[in-house]
Amino acid sequence: MRTGSVCGLLIVCVVSAGPVGAVDAVYRKSNTTPAQGTVTEVSKTAITVKPRLGQTIKVPISDIIRVRWDGEPAGLNLGRTHEKNGYLDKGLQSYEKAKSDYKGSSKNLKVDLDFLIARVHARFALTDPSRQDAAIQKLEAFRRAHPTSFRFYETLNYLGQVYLAKQDLEKAKTVFAEMRSAPLKAFQMSADVATARVLLAEKNVDAAQKLFTQVAAEQVQQPTEVSLKHEALLGKATCEQRAGQFDKAINTLDAVIKNASPQDSHIQAEAYLRQGDCLQAAKKIKPAVLAYLHVDVLFSNEKSLHPEALYHLARLWAVVGHPQRAAEAQNKLSEGYPNNPWAKKFAAGK
């Protein structure tokens, strides 16, 4: 009996650890064990992995964190690490070097490198308007060249975000409408949240709030869907704030901070940022400073949100009697994000 149990445990361990000689690995949000084996099919909606042992695994794109490809150059993973930690310059250099160094024949790996390079350009563009055109060029090129890539809808998301940052609202709406056609709930929700943000940019607060509320009411299961529900609640809180409903907005944001995953740094950072906005509008300056400080101390890697927090800290630290800390925030803003609209707004005394 004891021998049989041990043998059974060994079989389970071997299968769960992945096949011997696994060449590709798809890391998932829903499972701590990557799907390992050979990627046999890539589509706009899923990656199919054939393990050496066991059944074929089909991973929907909304569940994919990243893919480790067989034979990938060492610099590729270094680039991923740099990008994740917010070192976009180093990340881009590593990706471009990996692309130059790679002499293999894997089309999937080459396509993924092209996407990663385009993604870094997009993330730069969300903090630096001078880089928007270059990002759009990269993303539009990837969109045209790889319409069946598992990165296709993610590319549309970044492209729409850059168009929105550029205030090209019609193009942003067109891109998000295309993303809405994805046959996956997560991307449909993401497109709706993004479209609601476009409506906010158009100052159509009522329509934006209606769409945010609709997404927030969705029944969700997958981790990505849960994050998008929280993102919709952030948008709803912004609408409440603009309507002067500060207490209601703060309660919504408190719920997001409490319920969102601590690892979901973008959601957490934006929640504290919007909490600071609400508290500042309600003339509660010290609590507002504390909210913005959370972004600076805990979420400085969120480059699209960090400059906004620094802008408010540079203004408000002096109001609460800490001019030295105001100067420190100003230096971080001007030196770290010289081309960011928030840095220019501060420099202009607005």
Protein backbone atom coordinates (compact mmCIF):
# COMPACT_ATOMS: atom_id res chain seq x y z
CA MET A 1 0.00 0.00 0.00
CA ARG A 2 2.77 2.35 0.97
CA THR A 3 4.76 1.50 -2.21
CA GLY A 4 1.72 2.11 -4.44
CA SER A 5 1.11 5.49 -2.83
CA VAL A 6 4.72 6.52 -3.39
CA CYS A 7 4.61 5.41 -7.04
CA GLY A 8 1.38 7.32 -7.57
CA LEU A 9 2.88 10.43 -6.01
CA LEU A 10 5.94 10.17 -8.26
CA ILE A 11 3.76 9.93 -11.36
CA VAL A 12 1.78 12.99 -10.31
CA CYS A 13 4.98 14.94 -9.63
CA VAL A 14 6.53 14.02 -12.98
CA VAL A 15 3.41 15.02 -14.94
CA SER A 16 2.80 18.26 -12.99
CA ALA A 17 6.44 19.29 -13.26
CA GLY A 18 6.18 19.32 -17.03
CA PRO A 19 7.53 17.04 -19.72
CA VAL A 20 11.17 16.12 -19.93
CA GLY A 21 12.86 18.29 -22.52
CA ALA A 22 10.02 20.82 -22.64
CA VAL A 23 10.96 23.51 -25.11
CA ASP A 24 8.27 26.20 -24.81
CA ALA A 25 6.47 27.39 -21.69
CA VAL A 26 3.30 29.46 -21.45
CA TYR A 27 2.95 31.14 -18.04
CA ARG A 28 -0.66 31.57 -16.94
CA LYS A 29 -2.61 33.81 -14.57
CA SER A 30 -4.92 31.00 -13.55
CA ASN A 31 -2.29 28.37 -12.75
CA THR A 32 1.12 28.64 -11.10
CA THR A 33 2.39 25.79 -13.29
CA PRO A 34 3.24 26.85 -16.86
CA ALA A 35 1.93 24.88 -19.81
CA GLN A 36 5.16 23.27 -21.08
CA GLY A 37 5.92 21.44 -24.26
CA THR A 38 5.85 22.48 -27.90
CA VAL A 39 3.66 25.32 -29.10
CA THR A 40 1.80 23.75 -32.01
CA GLU A 41 -0.64 26.55 -32.86
CA VAL A 42 -0.87 30.29 -32.33
CA SER A 43 -4.03 32.26 -33.08
CA LYS A 44 -5.54 35.63 -32.19
CA THR A 45 -7.35 34.01 -29.27
CA ALA A 46 -5.17 31.19 -27.89
CA ILE A 47 -1.87 29.33 -27.81
CA THR A 48 -1.95 25.53 -28.06
CA VAL A 49 0.77 23.56 -26.28
CA LYS A 50 1.50 19.86 -26.82
CA PRO A 51 3.27 18.36 -23.78
CA ARG A 52 5.42 15.28 -24.16
CA LEU A 53 3.01 13.52 -21.79
CA GLY A 54 -0.65 14.19 -21.30
CA GLN A 55 -3.29 16.08 -23.21
CA THR A 56 -2.90 19.14 -25.38
CA ILE A 57 -3.38 22.42 -23.48
CA LYS A 58 -5.12 25.40 -25.08
CA VAL A 59 -4.42 28.64 -23.23
CA PRO A 60 -6.69 31.63 -24.03
CA ILE A 61 -4.83 34.88 -24.57
CA SER A 62 -6.58 36.52 -21.62
CA ASP A 63 -4.85 33.96 -19.35
CA ILE A 64 -1.32 34.41 -20.71
CA ILE A 65 1.29 36.23 -18.65
CA ARG A 66 4.24 35.56 -20.90
CA VAL A 67 5.76 32.90 -23.13
CA ARG A 68 9.26 31.47 -22.87
CA TRP A 69 10.27 30.24 -26.29
CA ASP A 70 12.65 27.39 -27.07
CA GLY A 71 16.09 28.69 -27.90
CA GLU A 72 15.39 32.29 -26.98
CA PRO A 73 18.49 34.48 -26.49
CA ALA A 74 19.46 35.27 -22.91
CA GLY A 75 18.87 38.98 -23.42
CA LEU A 76 15.16 38.41 -23.99
CA ASN A 77 14.44 37.45 -20.39
CA LEU A 78 16.66 40.29 -19.18
CA GLY A 79 14.52 42.65 -21.24
CA ARG A 80 11.36 41.29 -19.66
CA THR A 81 12.84 41.89 -16.20
CA HIS A 82 13.90 45.45 -17.02
CA GLU A 83 10.50 46.27 -18.50
CA LYS A 84 8.62 44.78 -15.54
CA ASN A 85 10.70 46.87 -13.14
CA GLY A 86 10.04 50.07 -15.08
CA TYR A 87 13.48 50.39 -16.69
CA LEU A 88 12.10 50.94 -20.17
CA ASP A 89 15.36 52.17 -21.76
CA LYS A 90 17.23 49.07 -20.60
CA GLY A 91 14.30 46.87 -21.58
CA LEU A 92 14.25 48.25 -25.11
CA GLN A 93 18.01 47.86 -25.46
CA SER A 94 17.80 44.23 -24.30
CA TYR A 95 14.94 43.41 -26.67
CA GLU A 96 16.68 44.99 -29.64
CA LYS A 97 19.93 43.17 -28.82
CA ALA A 98 18.03 39.88 -28.47
CA LYS A 99 16.46 40.45 -31.88
CA SER A 100 19.89 41.18 -33.39
CA ASP A 101 21.53 38.19 -31.66
CA TYR A 102 18.88 35.62 -32.53
CA LYS A 103 19.92 33.46 -35.49
CA GLY A 104 17.28 30.76 -35.11
CA SER A 105 14.27 30.02 -37.29
CA SER A 106 11.37 30.36 -34.82
CA LYS A 107 8.79 32.64 -36.40
CA ASN A 108 6.85 32.77 -33.13
CA LEU A 109 9.87 34.06 -31.23
CA LYS A 110 10.66 36.70 -33.87
CA VAL A 111 7.06 37.94 -33.89
CA ASP A 112 7.01 38.13 -30.09
CA LEU A 113 10.22 40.18 -30.08
CA ASP A 114 8.65 42.62 -32.54
CA PHE A 115 5.67 42.97 -30.22
CA LEU A 116 7.78 43.47 -27.10
CA ILE A 117 9.74 46.25 -28.82
CA ALA A 118 6.48 47.90 -29.94
CA ARG A 119 5.06 47.57 -26.42
CA VAL A 120 8.00 49.40 -24.84
CA HIS A 121 7.59 52.18 -27.40
CA ALA A 122 3.91 52.38 -26.40
CA ARG A 123 4.73 52.55 -22.71
CA PHE A 124 7.22 55.35 -23.41
CA ALA A 125 4.53 57.18 -25.38
CA LEU A 126 2.11 57.09 -22.46
CA THR A 127 4.50 59.26 -20.43
CA ASP A 128 6.22 61.25 -23.20
CA PRO A 129 4.14 62.83 -26.00
CA SER A 130 7.24 63.26 -28.15
CA ARG A 131 7.35 59.48 -28.56
CA GLN A 132 3.71 58.98 -29.55
CA ASP A 133 4.21 58.99 -33.31
CA ALA A 134 7.03 56.44 -33.13
CA ALA A 135 4.89 54.17 -30.95
CA ILE A 136 1.91 54.44 -33.28
CA GLN A 137 4.13 53.57 -36.23
CA LYS A 138 5.47 50.46 -34.47
CA LEU A 139 2.04 49.31 -33.29
CA GLU A 140 0.31 49.93 -36.62
CA ALA A 141 3.09 48.03 -38.40
CA PHE A 142 2.73 45.06 -36.04
CA ARG A 143 -1.06 45.13 -36.41
CA ARG A 144 -0.79 44.94 -40.22
CA ALA A 145 2.02 42.38 -40.35
CA HIS A 146 0.70 39.92 -37.73
CA PRO A 147 -3.11 39.79 -37.81
CA THR A 148 -3.15 36.22 -36.42
CA SER A 149 -0.68 36.78 -33.57
CA PHE A 150 -1.79 36.02 -30.02
CA ARG A 151 -0.56 39.56 -29.33
CA PHE A 152 -3.03 41.10 -31.83
CA TYR A 153 -5.69 42.30 -29.39
CA GLU A 154 -3.07 43.44 -26.87
CA THR A 155 -1.55 45.49 -29.69
CA LEU A 156 -4.93 47.08 -30.36
CA ASN A 157 -5.24 47.95 -26.67
CA TYR A 158 -1.88 49.75 -26.59
CA LEU A 159 -2.56 51.44 -29.93
CA GLY A 160 -5.88 52.77 -28.70
CA GLN A 161 -4.29 53.99 -25.46
CA VAL A 162 -1.62 55.92 -27.37
CA TYR A 163 -4.24 57.47 -29.67
CA LEU A 164 -6.20 58.45 -26.56
CA ALA A 165 -3.10 60.00 -24.96
CA LYS A 166 -2.55 61.90 -28.21
CA GLN A 167 -6.17 63.09 -28.03
CA ASP A 168 -6.93 61.51 -31.40
CA LEU A 169 -10.25 60.35 -30.02
CA GLU A 170 -11.86 59.17 -33.24
CA LYS A 171 -8.98 56.81 -34.02
CA ALA A 172 -8.98 55.62 -30.41
CA LYS A 173 -12.69 54.77 -30.62
CA THR A 174 -12.18 52.94 -33.92
CA VAL A 175 -9.37 50.82 -32.48
CA PHE A 176 -11.31 50.01 -29.31
CA ALA A 177 -14.35 49.05 -31.41
CA GLU A 178 -12.18 46.54 -33.27
CA MET A 179 -10.88 45.21 -29.96
CA ARG A 180 -14.50 44.85 -28.79
CA SER A 181 -15.00 42.26 -31.56
CA ALA A 182 -12.64 39.82 -29.82
CA PRO A 183 -14.47 36.57 -28.93
CA LEU A 184 -13.15 36.75 -25.36
CA LYS A 185 -14.95 38.42 -22.48
CA ALA A 186 -11.80 39.98 -21.04
CA PHE A 187 -11.04 41.92 -24.22
CA GLN A 188 -14.68 42.93 -24.62
CA MET A 189 -14.64 44.33 -21.09
CA SER A 190 -11.29 46.03 -21.72
CA ALA A 191 -12.64 47.65 -24.87
CA ASP A 192 -15.70 48.93 -23.01
CA VAL A 193 -13.58 50.41 -20.21
CA ALA A 194 -11.30 52.07 -22.77
CA THR A 195 -14.27 53.43 -24.72
CA ALA A 196 -15.68 54.88 -21.50
CA ARG A 197 -12.34 56.66 -20.96
CA VAL A 198 -12.66 58.14 -24.44
CA LEU A 199 -16.15 59.37 -23.48
CA LEU A 200 -14.64 60.99 -20.39
CA ALA A 201 -12.06 62.71 -22.60
CA GLU A 202 -14.98 64.01 -24.67
CA LYS A 203 -16.53 65.29 -21.40
CA ASN A 204 -19.51 63.00 -21.87
CA VAL A 205 -19.53 62.04 -18.19
CA ASP A 206 -23.04 60.55 -18.10
CA ALA A 207 -22.38 58.16 -20.99
CA ALA A 208 -18.99 57.24 -19.53
CA GLN A 209 -20.47 56.49 -16.12
CA LYS A 210 -23.18 54.34 -17.66
CA LEU A 211 -20.60 52.23 -19.50
CA PHE A 212 -18.27 51.98 -16.49
CA THR A 213 -21.20 50.87 -14.33
CA GLN A 214 -22.20 48.28 -16.90
CA VAL A 215 -18.73 46.72 -16.90
CA ALA A 216 -18.48 46.87 -13.10
CA ALA A 217 -21.70 44.85 -12.87
CA GLU A 218 -20.34 41.96 -14.97
CA GLN A 219 -20.14 38.50 -13.45
CA VAL A 220 -16.45 37.60 -13.60
CA GLN A 221 -14.26 34.57 -12.97
CA GLN A 222 -10.86 34.94 -14.64
CA PRO A 223 -8.16 37.08 -12.96
CA THR A 224 -8.03 39.47 -15.93
CA GLU A 225 -11.80 39.96 -15.78
CA VAL A 226 -11.59 40.73 -12.05
CA SER A 227 -8.93 43.39 -12.74
CA LEU A 228 -11.09 44.94 -15.44
CA LYS A 229 -14.05 45.07 -13.10
CA HIS A 230 -11.88 47.05 -10.66
CA GLU A 231 -10.71 49.29 -13.50
CA ALA A 232 -14.34 50.01 -14.34
CA LEU A 233 -14.97 50.94 -10.71
CA LEU A 234 -12.04 53.38 -10.91
CA GLY A 235 -13.69 55.02 -13.90
CA LYS A 236 -17.02 55.11 -12.11
CA ALA A 237 -15.35 56.84 -9.14
CA THR A 238 -13.86 59.44 -11.49
CA CYS A 239 -17.34 60.18 -12.83
CA GLU A 240 -18.68 60.48 -9.27
CA GLN A 241 -15.88 62.89 -8.39
CA ARG A 242 -16.63 65.06 -11.42
CA ALA A 243 -20.26 65.18 -10.31
CA GLY A 244 -19.13 66.47 -6.90
CA GLN A 245 -20.04 63.20 -5.15
CA PHE A 246 -16.73 63.01 -3.29
CA ASP A 247 -17.78 60.73 -0.41
CA LYS A 248 -19.39 58.30 -2.82
CA ALA A 249 -16.28 58.28 -5.01
CA ILE A 250 -13.98 57.75 -2.02
CA ASN A 251 -16.07 54.79 -0.85
CA THR A 252 -15.83 53.25 -4.34
CA LEU A 253 -12.05 53.73 -4.35
CA ASP A 254 -11.65 52.32 -0.84
CA ALA A 255 -13.42 49.17 -2.01
CA VAL A 256 -11.07 48.84 -4.98
CA ILE A 257 -7.97 49.27 -2.80
CA LYS A 258 -9.31 46.67 -0.36
CA ASN A 259 -10.44 44.09 -2.91
CA ALA A 260 -7.95 44.39 -5.78
CA SER A 261 -4.92 42.14 -5.70
CA PRO A 262 -1.82 43.78 -4.16
CA GLN A 263 0.05 42.46 -7.23
CA ASP A 264 -2.29 44.41 -9.53
CA SER A 265 -0.06 47.46 -9.22
CA HIS A 266 -1.64 49.55 -11.98
CA ILE A 267 -5.10 49.24 -10.41
CA GLN A 268 -3.78 49.98 -6.92
CA ALA A 269 -1.76 52.98 -8.13
CA GLU A 270 -4.66 54.51 -10.00
CA ALA A 271 -6.99 53.91 -7.05
CA TYR A 272 -4.68 55.88 -4.72
CA LEU A 273 -4.25 58.56 -7.38
CA ARG A 274 -8.00 59.05 -7.80
CA GLN A 275 -8.44 58.92 -4.02
CA GLY A 276 -6.00 61.81 -3.79
CA ASP A 277 -7.98 63.72 -6.42
CA CYS A 278 -11.22 63.27 -4.50
CA LEU A 279 -9.71 64.25 -1.16
CA GLN A 280 -8.03 67.30 -2.68
CA ALA A 281 -11.32 68.39 -4.31
CA ALA A 282 -13.02 67.98 -0.93
CA LYS A 283 -10.34 70.25 0.64
CA LYS A 284 -8.86 67.39 2.69
CA ILE A 285 -5.26 68.17 1.83
CA LYS A 286 -3.27 66.06 4.31
CA PRO A 287 -5.15 62.83 3.47
CA ALA A 288 -4.76 63.72 -0.23
CA VAL A 289 -0.98 64.01 0.20
CA LEU A 290 -0.92 60.58 1.87
CA ALA A 291 -2.87 59.06 -1.03
CA TYR A 292 -0.51 60.53 -3.65
CA LEU A 293 2.46 59.45 -1.54
CA HIS A 294 1.34 55.82 -1.85
CA VAL A 295 1.84 56.09 -5.61
CA ASP A 296 5.30 57.63 -5.27
CA VAL A 297 6.56 55.19 -2.65
CA LEU A 298 4.88 51.94 -3.66
CA PHE A 299 4.08 52.23 -7.35
CA SER A 300 6.75 54.39 -8.98
CA ASN A 301 7.19 51.66 -11.62
CA GLU A 302 3.78 52.61 -13.00
CA LYS A 303 5.28 55.20 -15.32
CA SER A 304 1.99 56.36 -16.85
CA LEU A 305 0.65 57.31 -13.37
CA HIS A 306 3.72 58.29 -11.34
CA PRO A 307 4.22 61.78 -12.91
CA GLU A 308 0.67 62.79 -12.02
CA ALA A 309 1.24 61.86 -8.37
CA LEU A 310 4.53 63.77 -8.32
CA TYR A 311 2.82 66.86 -9.76
CA HIS A 312 0.32 66.92 -6.91
CA LEU A 313 2.97 66.20 -4.26
CA ALA A 314 5.16 69.03 -5.60
CA ARG A 315 2.24 71.39 -5.09
CA LEU A 316 0.72 70.05 -1.88
CA TRP A 317 3.74 69.24 0.32
CA ALA A 318 4.35 72.98 0.72
CA VAL A 319 0.70 73.56 1.59
CA VAL A 320 1.00 71.18 4.56
CA GLY A 321 4.28 72.71 5.72
CA HIS A 322 6.96 70.59 4.03
CA PRO A 323 8.61 72.75 1.33
CA GLN A 324 11.71 70.51 1.20
CA ARG A 325 9.60 67.49 0.32
CA ALA A 326 7.79 69.58 -2.29
CA ALA A 327 11.16 70.41 -3.86
CA GLU A 328 12.13 66.73 -3.85
CA ALA A 329 8.91 65.77 -5.64
CA GLN A 330 9.46 68.57 -8.16
CA ASN A 331 12.99 67.32 -8.89
CA LYS A 332 11.73 63.77 -9.40
CA LEU A 333 9.12 65.06 -11.81
CA SER A 334 11.33 67.37 -13.85
CA GLU A 335 14.34 65.03 -13.99
CA GLY A 336 12.51 61.73 -14.38
CA TYR A 337 9.77 62.88 -16.76
CA PRO A 338 10.99 66.07 -18.49
CA ASN A 339 8.62 65.74 -21.48
CA ASN A 340 5.59 64.59 -19.54
CA PRO A 341 2.51 66.87 -19.64
CA TRP A 342 2.40 66.94 -15.83
CA ALA A 343 5.99 68.21 -15.67
CA LYS A 344 5.19 70.89 -18.24
CA LYS A 345 2.03 71.84 -16.37
CA PHE A 346 4.00 72.31 -13.15
CA ALA A 347 6.70 74.31 -14.94
CA ALA A 348 4.00 76.57 -16.36
CA GLY A 349 2.68 77.22 -12.85
CA LYS A 350 -0.69 75.64 -13.51
